[in-house]
Amino acid sequence: TAKTCSQQGIGCGPAGDGCGGALACGSCPTGQT
């Protein structure tokens, strides 16, 4: 069962879904990284 960015507590950048797939968890606002 693939997990979302929210379920993994990831707020930004790329991540894995736990099942071999990749997620895009968003970018940051100006002034933050």
All heavy atoms as atom14 arrays in JSON, in Angstrom:
{
  "sequence": "TAKTCSQQGIGCGPAGDGCGGALACGSCPTGQT",
  "atom14_mask": [
    [1, 1, 1, 1, 1, 1, 1, 0, 0, 0, 0, 0, 0, 0],
    [1, 1, 1, 1, 1, 0, 0, 0, 0, 0, 0, 0, 0, 0],
    [1, 1, 1, 1, 1, 1, 1, 1, 1, 0, 0, 0, 0, 0],
    [1, 1, 1, 1, 1, 1, 1, 0, 0, 0, 0, 0, 0, 0],
    [1, 1, 1, 1, 1, 1, 0, 0, 0, 0, 0, 0, 0, 0],
    [1, 1, 1, 1, 1, 1, 0, 0, 0, 0, 0, 0, 0, 0],
    [1, 1, 1, 1, 1, 1, 1, 1, 1, 0, 0, 0, 0, 0],
    [1, 1, 1, 1, 1, 1, 1, 1, 1, 0, 0, 0, 0, 0],
    [1, 1, 1, 1, 0, 0, 0, 0, 0, 0, 0, 0, 0, 0],
    [1, 1, 1, 1, 1, 1, 1, 1, 0, 0, 0, 0, 0, 0],
    [1, 1, 1, 1, 0, 0, 0, 0, 0, 0, 0, 0, 0, 0],
    [1, 1, 1, 1, 1, 1, 0, 0, 0, 0, 0, 0, 0, 0],
    [1, 1, 1, 1, 0, 0, 0, 0, 0, 0, 0, 0, 0, 0],
    [1, 1, 1, 1, 1, 1, 1, 0, 0, 0, 0, 0, 0, 0],
    [1, 1, 1, 1, 1, 0, 0, 0, 0, 0, 0, 0, 0, 0],
    [1, 1, 1, 1, 0, 0, 0, 0, 0, 0, 0, 0, 0, 0],
    [1, 1, 1, 1, 1, 1, 1, 1, 0, 0, 0, 0, 0, 0],
    [1, 1, 1, 1, 0, 0, 0, 0, 0, 0, 0, 0, 0, 0],
    [1, 1, 1, 1, 1, 1, 0, 0, 0, 0, 0, 0, 0, 0],
    [1, 1, 1, 1, 0, 0, 0, 0, 0, 0, 0, 0, 0, 0],
    [1, 1, 1, 1, 0, 0, 0, 0, 0, 0, 0, 0, 0, 0],
    [1, 1, 1, 1, 1, 0, 0, 0, 0, 0, 0, 0, 0, 0],
    [1, 1, 1, 1, 1, 1, 1, 1, 0, 0, 0, 0, 0, 0],
    [1, 1, 1, 1, 1, 0, 0, 0, 0, 0, 0, 0, 0, 0],
    [1, 1, 1, 1, 1, 1, 0, 0, 0, 0, 0, 0, 0, 0],
    [1, 1, 1, 1, 0, 0, 0, 0, 0, 0, 0, 0, 0, 0],
    [1, 1, 1, 1, 1, 1, 0, 0, 0, 0, 0, 0, 0, 0],
    [1, 1, 1, 1, 1, 1, 0, 0, 0, 0, 0, 0, 0, 0],
    [1, 1, 1, 1, 1, 1, 1, 0, 0, 0, 0, 0, 0, 0],
    [1, 1, 1, 1, 1, 1, 1, 0, 0, 0, 0, 0, 0, 0],
    [1, 1, 1, 1, 0, 0, 0, 0, 0, 0, 0, 0, 0, 0],
    [1, 1, 1, 1, 1, 1, 1, 1, 1, 0, 0, 0, 0, 0],
    [1, 1, 1, 1, 1, 1, 1, 0, 0, 0, 0, 0, 0, 0]
  ],
  "atom14_positions": [
    [[0.85, -1.19, 0.0], [0.0, 0.0, 0.0], [0.88, 1.24, 0.0], [1.59, 1.51, 0.97], [-0.93, 0.02, 1.23], [-1.72, -1.17, 1.24], [-1.83, 1.24, 1.2], [0.0, 0.0, 0.0], [0.0, 0.0, 0.0], [0.0, 0.0, 0.0], [0.0, 0.0, 0.0], [0.0, 0.0, 0.0], [0.0, 0.0, 0.0], [0.0, 0.0, 0.0]],
    [[0.85, 1.98, -1.1], [1.67, 3.19, -1.21], [1.19, 4.25, -0.22], [-0.01, 4.37, 0.04], [1.62, 3.72, -2.63], [0.0, 0.0, 0.0], [0.0, 0.0, 0.0], [0.0, 0.0, 0.0], [0.0, 0.0, 0.0], [0.0, 0.0, 0.0], [0.0, 0.0, 0.0], [0.0, 0.0, 0.0], [0.0, 0.0, 0.0], [0.0, 0.0, 0.0]],
    [[2.14, 5.0, 0.33], [1.82, 6.06, 1.28], [2.01, 7.42, 0.62], [2.88, 7.61, -0.21], [2.7, 5.95, 2.52], [2.39, 4.72, 3.36], [3.15, 4.75, 4.68], [2.75, 3.56, 5.56], [3.46, 3.57, 6.85], [0.0, 0.0, 0.0], [0.0, 0.0, 0.0], [0.0, 0.0, 0.0], [0.0, 0.0, 0.0], [0.0, 0.0, 0.0]],
    [[1.14, 8.37, 1.01], [1.22, 9.72, 0.47], [2.25, 10.54, 1.22], [2.77, 10.13, 2.27], [-0.15, 10.41, 0.58], [-0.48, 10.56, 1.97], [-1.24, 9.58, -0.1], [0.0, 0.0, 0.0], [0.0, 0.0, 0.0], [0.0, 0.0, 0.0], [0.0, 0.0, 0.0], [0.0, 0.0, 0.0], [0.0, 0.0, 0.0], [0.0, 0.0, 0.0]],
    [[2.52, 11.75, 0.7], [3.43, 12.67, 1.4], [2.89, 12.97, 2.8], [3.63, 12.96, 3.79], [3.57, 13.97, 0.61], [4.28, 13.77, -1.05], [0.0, 0.0, 0.0], [0.0, 0.0, 0.0], [0.0, 0.0, 0.0], [0.0, 0.0, 0.0], [0.0, 0.0, 0.0], [0.0, 0.0, 0.0], [0.0, 0.0, 0.0], [0.0, 0.0, 0.0]],
    [[1.58, 13.23, 2.88], [0.96, 13.58, 4.15], [1.07, 12.44, 5.16], [1.37, 12.65, 6.34], [-0.51, 13.95, 3.92], [-1.17, 14.2, 5.14], [0.0, 0.0, 0.0], [0.0, 0.0, 0.0], [0.0, 0.0, 0.0], [0.0, 0.0, 0.0], [0.0, 0.0, 0.0], [0.0, 0.0, 0.0], [0.0, 0.0, 0.0], [0.0, 0.0, 0.0]],
    [[0.83, 11.2, 4.7], [0.9, 10.06, 5.6], [2.3, 9.84, 6.15], [2.46, 9.31, 7.25], [0.43, 8.8, 4.87], [-1.07, 8.77, 4.6], [-1.48, 7.61, 3.7], [-0.72, 7.19, 2.82], [-2.67, 7.09, 3.92], [0.0, 0.0, 0.0], [0.0, 0.0, 0.0], [0.0, 0.0, 0.0], [0.0, 0.0, 0.0], [0.0, 0.0, 0.0]],
    [[3.31, 10.27, 5.41], [4.69, 10.11, 5.88], [5.21, 11.36, 6.57], [6.36, 11.39, 7.01], [5.59, 9.78, 4.69], [5.22, 8.48, 3.98], [6.15, 8.19, 2.82], [7.31, 7.78, 3.0], [5.68, 8.42, 1.61], [0.0, 0.0, 0.0], [0.0, 0.0, 0.0], [0.0, 0.0, 0.0], [0.0, 0.0, 0.0], [0.0, 0.0, 0.0]],
    [[4.35, 12.38, 6.68], [4.78, 13.62, 7.34], [5.83, 14.38, 6.57], [6.68, 15.04, 7.16], [0.0, 0.0, 0.0], [0.0, 0.0, 0.0], [0.0, 0.0, 0.0], [0.0, 0.0, 0.0], [0.0, 0.0, 0.0], [0.0, 0.0, 0.0], [0.0, 0.0, 0.0], [0.0, 0.0, 0.0], [0.0, 0.0, 0.0], [0.0, 0.0, 0.0]],
    [[5.79, 14.3, 5.23], [6.77, 14.98, 4.39], [6.13, 16.21, 3.77], [5.08, 16.1, 3.12], [7.29, 14.03, 3.29], [8.0, 12.85, 3.94], [8.22, 14.76, 2.34], [8.43, 11.77, 2.97], [0.0, 0.0, 0.0], [0.0, 0.0, 0.0], [0.0, 0.0, 0.0], [0.0, 0.0, 0.0], [0.0, 0.0, 0.0], [0.0, 0.0, 0.0]],
    [[6.73, 17.37, 3.96], [6.13, 18.62, 3.51], [6.71, 19.2, 2.25], [6.15, 20.14, 1.7], [0.0, 0.0, 0.0], [0.0, 0.0, 0.0], [0.0, 0.0, 0.0], [0.0, 0.0, 0.0], [0.0, 0.0, 0.0], [0.0, 0.0, 0.0], [0.0, 0.0, 0.0], [0.0, 0.0, 0.0], [0.0, 0.0, 0.0], [0.0, 0.0, 0.0]],
    [[7.85, 18.68, 1.77], [8.48, 19.27, 0.59], [9.47, 18.31, -0.03], [9.89, 17.34, 0.6], [9.18, 20.59, 0.95], [10.46, 20.4, 2.23], [0.0, 0.0, 0.0], [0.0, 0.0, 0.0], [0.0, 0.0, 0.0], [0.0, 0.0, 0.0], [0.0, 0.0, 0.0], [0.0, 0.0, 0.0], [0.0, 0.0, 0.0], [0.0, 0.0, 0.0]],
    [[9.82, 18.6, -1.28], [10.85, 17.84, -1.98], [10.36, 16.49, -2.46], [9.21, 16.11, -2.27], [0.0, 0.0, 0.0], [0.0, 0.0, 0.0], [0.0, 0.0, 0.0], [0.0, 0.0, 0.0], [0.0, 0.0, 0.0], [0.0, 0.0, 0.0], [0.0, 0.0, 0.0], [0.0, 0.0, 0.0], [0.0, 0.0, 0.0], [0.0, 0.0, 0.0]],
    [[11.24, 15.73, -3.12], [10.87, 14.39, -3.59], [10.91, 13.39, -2.44], [11.58, 13.61, -1.43], [11.95, 14.08, -4.63], [13.14, 14.85, -4.15], [12.61, 16.1, -3.51], [0.0, 0.0, 0.0], [0.0, 0.0, 0.0], [0.0, 0.0, 0.0], [0.0, 0.0, 0.0], [0.0, 0.0, 0.0], [0.0, 0.0, 0.0], [0.0, 0.0, 0.0]],
    [[10.2, 12.28, -2.59], [10.18, 11.23, -1.57], [9.77, 9.93, -2.22], [9.24, 9.92, -3.34], [9.23, 11.6, -0.44], [0.0, 0.0, 0.0], [0.0, 0.0, 0.0], [0.0, 0.0, 0.0], [0.0, 0.0, 0.0], [0.0, 0.0, 0.0], [0.0, 0.0, 0.0], [0.0, 0.0, 0.0], [0.0, 0.0, 0.0], [0.0, 0.0, 0.0]],
    [[9.97, 8.83, -1.54], [9.48, 7.54, -1.99], [8.14, 7.25, -1.37], [7.81, 7.77, -0.3], [0.0, 0.0, 0.0], [0.0, 0.0, 0.0], [0.0, 0.0, 0.0], [0.0, 0.0, 0.0], [0.0, 0.0, 0.0], [0.0, 0.0, 0.0], [0.0, 0.0, 0.0], [0.0, 0.0, 0.0], [0.0, 0.0, 0.0], [0.0, 0.0, 0.0]],
    [[7.33, 6.39, -2.04], [6.01, 6.04, -1.51], [6.04, 4.76, -0.69], [5.0, 4.27, -0.25], [4.98, 5.92, -2.63], [5.28, 4.79, -3.61], [6.28, 4.06, -3.4], [4.52, 4.63, -4.57], [0.0, 0.0, 0.0], [0.0, 0.0, 0.0], [0.0, 0.0, 0.0], [0.0, 0.0, 0.0], [0.0, 0.0, 0.0], [0.0, 0.0, 0.0]],
    [[7.24, 4.2, -0.47], [7.37, 2.99, 0.32], [7.19, 1.72, -0.47], [7.4, 0.63, 0.07], [0.0, 0.0, 0.0], [0.0, 0.0, 0.0], [0.0, 0.0, 0.0], [0.0, 0.0, 0.0], [0.0, 0.0, 0.0], [0.0, 0.0, 0.0], [0.0, 0.0, 0.0], [0.0, 0.0, 0.0], [0.0, 0.0, 0.0], [0.0, 0.0, 0.0]],
    [[6.78, 1.82, -1.72], [6.53, 0.65, -2.56], [7.36, 0.68, -3.83], [7.04, 0.02, -4.82], [5.04, 0.56, -2.9], [3.96, 0.35, -1.47], [0.0, 0.0, 0.0], [0.0, 0.0, 0.0], [0.0, 0.0, 0.0], [0.0, 0.0, 0.0], [0.0, 0.0, 0.0], [0.0, 0.0, 0.0], [0.0, 0.0, 0.0], [0.0, 0.0, 0.0]],
    [[8.41, 1.5, -3.83], [9.28, 1.58, -5.0], [8.98, 2.73, -5.93], [9.69, 2.96, -6.89], [0.0, 0.0, 0.0], [0.0, 0.0, 0.0], [0.0, 0.0, 0.0], [0.0, 0.0, 0.0], [0.0, 0.0, 0.0], [0.0, 0.0, 0.0], [0.0, 0.0, 0.0], [0.0, 0.0, 0.0], [0.0, 0.0, 0.0], [0.0, 0.0, 0.0]],
    [[7.9, 3.49, -5.66], [7.55, 4.63, -6.49], [8.07, 5.94, -5.9], [8.53, 5.99, -4.76], [0.0, 0.0, 0.0], [0.0, 0.0, 0.0], [0.0, 0.0, 0.0], [0.0, 0.0, 0.0], [0.0, 0.0, 0.0], [0.0, 0.0, 0.0], [0.0, 0.0, 0.0], [0.0, 0.0, 0.0], [0.0, 0.0, 0.0], [0.0, 0.0, 0.0]],
    [[8.01, 7.0, -6.7], [8.48, 8.31, -6.27], [7.32, 9.28, -6.12], [6.31, 9.18, -6.82], [9.49, 8.87, -7.27], [0.0, 0.0, 0.0], [0.0, 0.0, 0.0], [0.0, 0.0, 0.0], [0.0, 0.0, 0.0], [0.0, 0.0, 0.0], [0.0, 0.0, 0.0], [0.0, 0.0, 0.0], [0.0, 0.0, 0.0], [0.0, 0.0, 0.0]],
    [[7.45, 10.2, -5.17], [6.44, 11.23, -4.92], [7.08, 12.6, -5.06], [8.27, 12.77, -4.78], [5.87, 11.11, -3.5], [5.14, 9.81, -3.13], [4.87, 9.78, -1.63], [3.84, 9.69, -3.9], [0.0, 0.0, 0.0], [0.0, 0.0, 0.0], [0.0, 0.0, 0.0], [0.0, 0.0, 0.0], [0.0, 0.0, 0.0], [0.0, 0.0, 0.0]],
    [[6.3, 13.58, -5.48], [6.72, 14.98, -5.47], [5.9, 15.68, -4.4], [4.69, 15.84, -4.54], [6.5, 15.62, -6.84], [0.0, 0.0, 0.0], [0.0, 0.0, 0.0], [0.0, 0.0, 0.0], [0.0, 0.0, 0.0], [0.0, 0.0, 0.0], [0.0, 0.0, 0.0], [0.0, 0.0, 0.0], [0.0, 0.0, 0.0], [0.0, 0.0, 0.0]],
    [[6.55, 16.05, -3.31], [5.84, 16.58, -2.14], [5.8, 18.1, -2.08], [5.54, 18.68, -1.03], [6.44, 16.0, -0.86], [6.3, 14.2, -0.75], [0.0, 0.0, 0.0], [0.0, 0.0, 0.0], [0.0, 0.0, 0.0], [0.0, 0.0, 0.0], [0.0, 0.0, 0.0], [0.0, 0.0, 0.0], [0.0, 0.0, 0.0], [0.0, 0.0, 0.0]],
    [[6.06, 18.76, -3.21], [5.87, 20.21, -3.29], [7.13, 21.01, -3.05], [8.15, 20.5, -2.61], [0.0, 0.0, 0.0], [0.0, 0.0, 0.0], [0.0, 0.0, 0.0], [0.0, 0.0, 0.0], [0.0, 0.0, 0.0], [0.0, 0.0, 0.0], [0.0, 0.0, 0.0], [0.0, 0.0, 0.0], [0.0, 0.0, 0.0], [0.0, 0.0, 0.0]],
    [[7.03, 22.29, -3.41], [8.15, 23.22, -3.23], [7.89, 24.14, -2.04], [6.81, 24.12, -1.45], [8.35, 24.05, -4.5], [7.14, 24.73, -4.84], [0.0, 0.0, 0.0], [0.0, 0.0, 0.0], [0.0, 0.0, 0.0], [0.0, 0.0, 0.0], [0.0, 0.0, 0.0], [0.0, 0.0, 0.0], [0.0, 0.0, 0.0], [0.0, 0.0, 0.0]],
    [[8.86, 24.94, -1.71], [8.76, 25.84, -0.56], [8.53, 27.27, -1.02], [8.93, 27.66, -2.12], [10.03, 25.77, 0.28], [10.28, 24.15, 1.06], [0.0, 0.0, 0.0], [0.0, 0.0, 0.0], [0.0, 0.0, 0.0], [0.0, 0.0, 0.0], [0.0, 0.0, 0.0], [0.0, 0.0, 0.0], [0.0, 0.0, 0.0], [0.0, 0.0, 0.0]],
    [[7.9, 28.1, -0.17], [7.68, 29.51, -0.53], [9.0, 30.27, -0.6], [10.03, 29.82, -0.1], [6.79, 30.02, 0.6], [7.04, 29.1, 1.76], [7.31, 27.76, 1.15], [0.0, 0.0, 0.0], [0.0, 0.0, 0.0], [0.0, 0.0, 0.0], [0.0, 0.0, 0.0], [0.0, 0.0, 0.0], [0.0, 0.0, 0.0], [0.0, 0.0, 0.0]],
    [[8.94, 31.44, -1.24], [10.13, 32.29, -1.38], [10.75, 32.56, -0.01], [10.06, 32.89, 0.95], [9.75, 33.61, -2.05], [9.15, 33.33, -3.32], [10.99, 34.48, -2.25], [0.0, 0.0, 0.0], [0.0, 0.0, 0.0], [0.0, 0.0, 0.0], [0.0, 0.0, 0.0], [0.0, 0.0, 0.0], [0.0, 0.0, 0.0], [0.0, 0.0, 0.0]],
    [[12.06, 32.42, 0.06], [12.77, 32.67, 1.31], [12.97, 31.43, 2.15], [13.68, 31.46, 3.14], [0.0, 0.0, 0.0], [0.0, 0.0, 0.0], [0.0, 0.0, 0.0], [0.0, 0.0, 0.0], [0.0, 0.0, 0.0], [0.0, 0.0, 0.0], [0.0, 0.0, 0.0], [0.0, 0.0, 0.0], [0.0, 0.0, 0.0], [0.0, 0.0, 0.0]],
    [[12.32, 30.32, 1.76], [12.48, 29.07, 2.48], [12.98, 27.98, 1.53], [12.82, 28.08, 0.32], [11.16, 28.62, 3.11], [10.62, 29.58, 4.16], [9.39, 29.0, 4.86], [9.22, 27.79, 4.95], [8.54, 29.89, 5.36], [0.0, 0.0, 0.0], [0.0, 0.0, 0.0], [0.0, 0.0, 0.0], [0.0, 0.0, 0.0], [0.0, 0.0, 0.0]],
    [[13.59, 26.96, 2.1], [14.04, 25.81, 1.32], [13.68, 24.54, 2.07], [13.4, 24.57, 3.26], [15.57, 25.85, 1.08], [16.24, 25.88, 2.34], [15.96, 27.05, 0.24], [0.0, 0.0, 0.0], [0.0, 0.0, 0.0], [0.0, 0.0, 0.0], [0.0, 0.0, 0.0], [0.0, 0.0, 0.0], [0.0, 0.0, 0.0], [0.0, 0.0, 0.0]]
  ]
}
